[in-house]
Every structure is written in C-alpha cells, then in structure tokens.
Amino acid sequence: IGDPAGTYPIFDATGSTIAPGRWNTPGSPLIYTSEHYSTALLEKLVHGSGRLPPNQHYIEITIPRGLSYEVFSQPSLPGWDTMPATVSQGFGETWCLDRRSVILLVPSVVARLDCNVLINPAHPEFS
C-alpha cells in the first residue's frame, strides 16, 4: 500500500533510508511489503497516523519462481521484536549488505502469524 505518484513511489526505497524501519538502518535501503492486504493495511495504520491517506493504492506483486529468498527464524534472534529495534536492524542490515537474497520474509510484530516481505533493491536479482 503506497502512493504511486508520491514523493517515494511504491518500488522506491528512498523513504526507508530517511525513516528506517524495524529491519533497516539509514545505510540499508529496503522495500517493505506484506504477504496479505490485511497485514499491509494494519502495518500502514500502526506506523502512520492511524488513518489511511486517500491517495494510497494497493498493488499485488508476483514473485517469479526461482527468485532467491530467505525466511527469518524467530528463535535464532532473541529480541528481534523489541524497541529500540537495534537487534532486528542489525540482522536486516547484514542481510541487505551481504545480498544473501532479494527477498526476506519476516514476522509482523503487529500481526504475529503473518509475514512482511522485505525486498532488497541493491540485490542483482531486483528489477
């Protein structure tokens, strides 16, 4: 969910370098997405003003078969869901800079059974 004609279009990671999220620092640009519309909407409301601006659009992304991905394992990183988010940001920064995969599936803190999908725009498979 985003504003395709806004300052930071949907597939542009500039916004994440200015206002880093749970999984990145200013030095590691990421594109934050979600597996489901409901999770994307919830994340948008929680991290915004509690209201969805009228210019927001929902898009579906089809991930081609064979694209590299990694699934984050919660037990492997205690404190990933705490604030400040230094633990999860450290993990995300390493994943991003090492370019281990183009996609990282991580749990949503606000909807624990759902996943957010992080896209690394610096990865060679991103296009």
Protein backbone atom coordinates (compact mmCIF):
# COMPACT_ATOMS: atom_id res chain seq x y z
CA ILE A 1 0.00 0.00 0.00
CA GLY A 2 1.52 3.29 -1.02
CA ASP A 3 1.23 6.40 -3.14
CA PRO A 4 2.45 5.58 -6.67
CA ALA A 5 2.68 9.28 -7.57
CA GLY A 6 4.06 10.40 -4.20
CA THR A 7 7.47 11.60 -3.14
CA TYR A 8 8.53 8.00 -2.53
CA PRO A 9 6.83 5.71 -5.08
CA ILE A 10 5.95 2.14 -4.15
CA PHE A 11 9.10 0.47 -5.53
CA ASP A 12 11.46 3.23 -4.38
CA ALA A 13 13.43 2.53 -1.19
CA THR A 14 14.41 6.16 -0.54
CA GLY A 15 11.80 6.53 2.19
CA SER A 16 13.35 3.68 4.18
CA THR A 17 16.74 5.40 4.14
CA ILE A 18 15.20 8.57 5.58
CA ALA A 19 12.88 6.89 8.09
CA PRO A 20 14.33 3.43 8.77
CA GLY A 21 12.02 0.64 9.86
CA ARG A 22 12.35 -2.36 12.15
CA TRP A 23 14.68 -4.19 9.74
CA ASN A 24 16.94 -1.49 8.31
CA THR A 25 19.19 1.42 9.19
CA PRO A 26 19.67 4.50 7.00
CA GLY A 27 22.55 2.71 5.25
CA SER A 28 20.48 -0.22 4.02
CA PRO A 29 17.53 0.74 1.82
CA LEU A 30 14.65 -1.76 1.82
CA ILE A 31 11.23 -2.01 0.27
CA TYR A 32 8.69 -3.07 2.90
CA THR A 33 5.73 -5.15 1.71
CA SER A 34 3.38 -7.71 3.25
CA GLU A 35 2.08 -11.13 2.25
CA HIS A 36 -1.54 -10.04 2.63
CA TYR A 37 -3.56 -6.88 2.12
CA SER A 38 -4.82 -7.01 5.72
CA THR A 39 -1.28 -7.09 7.11
CA ALA A 40 -0.15 -4.28 4.81
CA LEU A 41 -3.13 -2.18 5.91
CA LEU A 42 -2.51 -2.88 9.59
CA GLU A 43 1.20 -2.01 9.27
CA LYS A 44 0.32 1.22 7.43
CA LEU A 45 -2.16 2.24 10.14
CA VAL A 46 0.14 1.36 13.06
CA HIS A 47 3.14 3.20 11.63
CA GLY A 48 1.16 6.18 10.38
CA SER A 49 -1.43 8.46 11.90
CA GLY A 50 -4.00 5.70 12.37
CA ARG A 51 -5.81 6.74 9.20
CA LEU A 52 -5.05 5.75 5.64
CA PRO A 53 -4.47 8.79 3.41
CA PRO A 54 -6.85 8.90 0.40
CA ASN A 55 -4.02 8.74 -2.15
CA GLN A 56 -2.87 5.25 -1.12
CA HIS A 57 -3.15 2.33 -3.52
CA TYR A 58 -2.86 -1.41 -3.04
CA ILE A 59 -0.87 -3.41 -5.56
CA GLU A 60 -0.15 -7.11 -5.84
CA ILE A 61 3.38 -8.25 -6.52
CA THR A 62 4.03 -11.53 -8.27
CA ILE A 63 7.34 -13.05 -7.29
CA PRO A 64 8.81 -15.15 -10.10
CA ARG A 65 9.77 -18.76 -9.40
CA GLY A 66 13.43 -19.24 -8.68
CA LEU A 67 13.97 -15.82 -7.13
CA SER A 68 16.25 -16.06 -4.09
CA TYR A 69 14.61 -15.68 -0.70
CA GLU A 70 15.33 -16.23 2.97
CA VAL A 71 12.89 -16.91 5.81
CA PHE A 72 13.81 -15.30 9.12
CA SER A 73 13.79 -17.72 12.07
CA GLN A 74 12.44 -16.03 15.22
CA PRO A 75 14.15 -18.35 17.73
CA SER A 76 17.54 -17.62 16.18
CA LEU A 77 17.44 -13.95 17.16
CA PRO A 78 16.06 -13.14 20.63
CA GLY A 79 14.95 -9.52 20.91
CA TRP A 80 14.08 -9.10 17.23
CA ASP A 81 10.68 -7.72 18.25
CA THR A 82 11.81 -5.24 20.91
CA MET A 83 12.22 -1.49 20.74
CA PRO A 84 14.54 0.11 20.05
CA ALA A 85 14.89 -2.16 17.05
CA THR A 86 18.69 -2.47 17.13
CA VAL A 87 18.65 -6.29 17.09
CA SER A 88 16.38 -6.60 14.05
CA GLN A 89 18.04 -3.65 12.31
CA GLY A 90 21.44 -5.31 12.71
CA PHE A 91 20.11 -8.51 11.18
CA GLY A 92 18.42 -6.66 8.32
CA GLU A 93 21.47 -4.51 7.63
CA THR A 94 23.73 -7.58 7.39
CA TRP A 95 21.21 -9.39 5.16
CA CYS A 96 20.91 -6.33 2.92
CA LEU A 97 24.61 -5.54 2.60
CA ASP A 98 25.60 -9.20 2.12
CA ARG A 99 22.92 -9.50 -0.60
CA ARG A 100 22.11 -13.03 0.61
CA SER A 101 18.78 -12.97 -1.23
CA VAL A 102 16.49 -10.49 -2.92
CA ILE A 103 13.61 -11.28 -0.54
CA LEU A 104 13.48 -11.74 3.23
CA LEU A 105 10.30 -12.98 4.90
CA VAL A 106 9.99 -11.68 8.46
CA PRO A 107 7.18 -11.88 11.02
CA SER A 108 4.95 -8.87 11.53
CA VAL A 109 5.17 -7.54 15.07
CA VAL A 110 1.57 -6.29 14.91
CA ALA A 111 0.17 -9.47 13.30
CA ARG A 112 2.43 -12.26 14.60
CA LEU A 113 1.02 -15.04 12.40
CA ASP A 114 1.56 -13.03 9.22
CA CYS A 115 4.73 -12.11 7.38
CA ASN A 116 6.13 -8.96 5.95
CA VAL A 117 8.19 -9.31 2.81
CA LEU A 118 11.34 -7.22 2.56
CA ILE A 119 12.82 -6.57 -0.87
CA ASN A 120 16.48 -5.64 -1.29
CA PRO A 121 16.69 -3.19 -4.22
CA ALA A 122 20.50 -3.47 -4.20
CA HIS A 123 20.38 -7.20 -4.95
CA PRO A 124 21.34 -8.20 -8.52
CA GLU A 125 18.01 -10.07 -8.95
CA PHE A 126 15.93 -6.96 -8.25
CA SER A 127 14.40 -5.45 -11.36
